Amino acid sequence: MEKLMQAPIRLVSLFGLLASSLAGAALATEEKAVADADLAGWVDQRIAAWQPTKAERRFDDIGWLTDIRQAERLAKQHNRPVFLFTHDGHMAVGRC
């Protein structure tokens, strides 16, 4: 019975050891502190690094129109289909 009780304790200890080593690795990969004078430039660099690439912004290459009549006219002119997309939200933040 005593051996049966030791197994969960060992398992919890193992998980605790694993969690603490992962936390230490995460802290080791964090960037160094940024001086106050360099903060604005650092933020600008971080923002630029997180911006989507041109390949990730293919959505912007679509010839969007806000008038269905103009879309139908252009579709007939170029022999292309019309894709009607409606939404009730904010496209810029991804809420459609």
C-alpha atoms as a PDB file:
ATOM      1  CA  MET A   1       0.000   0.000   0.000  1.00  0.00           C
ATOM      2  CA  GLU A   2       2.869   2.350   0.831  1.00  0.00           C
ATOM      3  CA  LYS A   3       4.415   1.815  -2.630  1.00  0.00           C
ATOM      4  CA  LEU A   4       1.059   2.603  -4.197  1.00  0.00           C
ATOM      5  CA  MET A   5       1.003   5.994  -2.405  1.00  0.00           C
ATOM      6  CA  GLN A   6       4.564   6.838  -3.461  1.00  0.00           C
ATOM      7  CA  ALA A   7       3.788   6.645  -7.204  1.00  0.00           C
ATOM      8  CA  PRO A   8       1.566   9.776  -7.310  1.00  0.00           C
ATOM      9  CA  ILE A   9       4.078  11.688  -5.176  1.00  0.00           C
ATOM     10  CA  ARG A  10       6.878  10.783  -7.572  1.00  0.00           C
ATOM     11  CA  LEU A  11       4.737  11.723 -10.540  1.00  0.00           C
ATOM     12  CA  VAL A  12       3.879  15.123  -9.061  1.00  0.00           C
ATOM     13  CA  SER A  13       7.550  15.683  -8.230  1.00  0.00           C
ATOM     14  CA  LEU A  14       8.524  14.818 -11.791  1.00  0.00           C
ATOM     15  CA  PHE A  15       5.980  17.260 -13.207  1.00  0.00           C
ATOM     16  CA  GLY A  16       7.193  19.957 -10.813  1.00  0.00           C
ATOM     17  CA  LEU A  17      10.768  19.421 -11.926  1.00  0.00           C
ATOM     18  CA  LEU A  18       9.737  19.540 -15.572  1.00  0.00           C
ATOM     19  CA  ALA A  19       7.701  22.714 -15.065  1.00  0.00           C
ATOM     20  CA  SER A  20      10.531  24.486 -13.254  1.00  0.00           C
ATOM     21  CA  SER A  21      13.044  23.561 -15.975  1.00  0.00           C
ATOM     22  CA  LEU A  22      10.663  24.807 -18.673  1.00  0.00           C
ATOM     23  CA  ALA A  23      10.133  28.067 -16.782  1.00  0.00           C
ATOM     24  CA  GLY A  24      13.897  28.506 -16.490  1.00  0.00           C
ATOM     25  CA  ALA A  25      14.328  27.914 -20.212  1.00  0.00           C
ATOM     26  CA  ALA A  26      11.626  30.472 -20.970  1.00  0.00           C
ATOM     27  CA  LEU A  27      13.322  33.052 -18.779  1.00  0.00           C
ATOM     28  CA  ALA A  28      16.656  32.363 -20.455  1.00  0.00           C
ATOM     29  CA  THR A  29      15.178  33.117 -23.889  1.00  0.00           C
ATOM     30  CA  GLU A  30      13.576  36.417 -22.858  1.00  0.00           C
ATOM     31  CA  GLU A  31      15.094  39.567 -24.254  1.00  0.00           C
ATOM     32  CA  LYS A  32      17.231  41.782 -22.097  1.00  0.00           C
ATOM     33  CA  ALA A  33      15.693  44.834 -20.474  1.00  0.00           C
ATOM     34  CA  VAL A  34      15.417  47.855 -22.763  1.00  0.00           C
ATOM     35  CA  ALA A  35      16.653  51.241 -21.572  1.00  0.00           C
ATOM     36  CA  ASP A  36      14.009  53.967 -21.362  1.00  0.00           C
ATOM     37  CA  ALA A  37      15.715  56.000 -24.102  1.00  0.00           C
ATOM     38  CA  ASP A  38      15.628  52.979 -26.464  1.00  0.00           C
ATOM     39  CA  LEU A  39      12.078  51.895 -25.686  1.00  0.00           C
ATOM     40  CA  ALA A  40      10.323  53.728 -28.543  1.00  0.00           C
ATOM     41  CA  GLY A  41      12.722  52.287 -31.124  1.00  0.00           C
ATOM     42  CA  TRP A  42      12.414  48.808 -29.627  1.00  0.00           C
ATOM     43  CA  VAL A  43       8.606  49.008 -29.787  1.00  0.00           C
ATOM     44  CA  ASP A  44       8.767  50.174 -33.419  1.00  0.00           C
ATOM     45  CA  GLN A  45      11.008  47.214 -34.285  1.00  0.00           C
ATOM     46  CA  ARG A  46       8.685  44.762 -32.534  1.00  0.00           C
ATOM     47  CA  ILE A  47       5.651  46.193 -34.355  1.00  0.00           C
ATOM     48  CA  ALA A  48       7.440  45.971 -37.720  1.00  0.00           C
ATOM     49  CA  ALA A  49       8.453  42.373 -37.003  1.00  0.00           C
ATOM     50  CA  TRP A  50       4.849  41.356 -36.240  1.00  0.00           C
ATOM     51  CA  GLN A  51       3.321  42.929 -39.359  1.00  0.00           C
ATOM     52  CA  PRO A  52       1.962  40.410 -41.861  1.00  0.00           C
ATOM     53  CA  THR A  53       4.034  39.808 -44.983  1.00  0.00           C
ATOM     54  CA  LYS A  54       2.760  40.528 -48.478  1.00  0.00           C
ATOM     55  CA  ALA A  55       2.064  36.807 -48.917  1.00  0.00           C
ATOM     56  CA  GLU A  56      -0.001  36.833 -45.728  1.00  0.00           C
ATOM     57  CA  ARG A  57      -1.962  39.869 -46.963  1.00  0.00           C
ATOM     58  CA  ARG A  58      -3.202  38.329 -50.234  1.00  0.00           C
ATOM     59  CA  PHE A  59      -6.669  39.292 -49.011  1.00  0.00           C
ATOM     60  CA  ASP A  60      -5.802  42.905 -49.898  1.00  0.00           C
ATOM     61  CA  ASP A  61      -5.143  41.999 -53.550  1.00  0.00           C
ATOM     62  CA  ILE A  62      -8.831  41.316 -54.143  1.00  0.00           C
ATOM     63  CA  GLY A  63     -10.609  44.057 -56.062  1.00  0.00           C
ATOM     64  CA  TRP A  64     -13.196  44.816 -53.402  1.00  0.00           C
ATOM     65  CA  LEU A  65     -16.150  47.012 -54.298  1.00  0.00           C
ATOM     66  CA  THR A  66     -18.810  48.454 -52.051  1.00  0.00           C
ATOM     67  CA  ASP A  67     -21.522  48.707 -54.731  1.00  0.00           C
ATOM     68  CA  ILE A  68     -23.130  45.544 -56.128  1.00  0.00           C
ATOM     69  CA  ARG A  69     -24.148  47.353 -59.332  1.00  0.00           C
ATOM     70  CA  GLN A  70     -20.566  48.324 -60.065  1.00  0.00           C
ATOM     71  CA  ALA A  71     -19.442  44.762 -59.260  1.00  0.00           C
ATOM     72  CA  GLU A  72     -21.962  43.314 -61.723  1.00  0.00           C
ATOM     73  CA  ARG A  73     -20.903  45.808 -64.410  1.00  0.00           C
ATOM     74  CA  LEU A  74     -17.222  44.917 -63.991  1.00  0.00           C
ATOM     75  CA  ALA A  75     -18.011  41.190 -63.863  1.00  0.00           C
ATOM     76  CA  LYS A  76     -19.808  41.389 -67.213  1.00  0.00           C
ATOM     77  CA  GLN A  77     -17.062  43.560 -68.689  1.00  0.00           C
ATOM     78  CA  HIS A  78     -14.293  41.112 -67.679  1.00  0.00           C
ATOM     79  CA  ASN A  79     -16.372  37.913 -67.906  1.00  0.00           C
ATOM     80  CA  ARG A  80     -15.713  37.130 -64.240  1.00  0.00           C
ATOM     81  CA  PRO A  81     -17.991  35.970 -61.427  1.00  0.00           C
ATOM     82  CA  VAL A  82     -19.111  38.130 -58.530  1.00  0.00           C
ATOM     83  CA  PHE A  83     -18.463  36.939 -55.001  1.00  0.00           C
ATOM     84  CA  LEU A  84     -20.906  38.644 -52.659  1.00  0.00           C
ATOM     85  CA  PHE A  85     -19.568  38.959 -49.144  1.00  0.00           C
ATOM     86  CA  THR A  86     -21.564  40.607 -46.395  1.00  0.00           C
ATOM     87  CA  HIS A  87     -20.664  41.072 -42.770  1.00  0.00           C
ATOM     88  CA  ASP A  88     -21.872  42.677 -39.623  1.00  0.00           C
ATOM     89  CA  GLY A  89     -18.728  43.555 -37.730  1.00  0.00           C
ATOM     90  CA  HIS A  90     -15.272  45.010 -38.144  1.00  0.00           C
ATOM     91  CA  MET A  91     -13.187  43.562 -40.982  1.00  0.00           C
ATOM     92  CA  ALA A  92      -9.946  45.199 -39.821  1.00  0.00           C
ATOM     93  CA  VAL A  93     -10.004  43.257 -36.548  1.00  0.00           C
ATOM     94  CA  GLY A  94     -11.157  39.988 -38.079  1.00  0.00           C
ATOM     95  CA  ARG A  95     -14.725  40.047 -36.789  1.00  0.00           C
ATOM     96  CA  CYS A  96     -17.135  39.205 -39.595  1.00  0.00           C
END
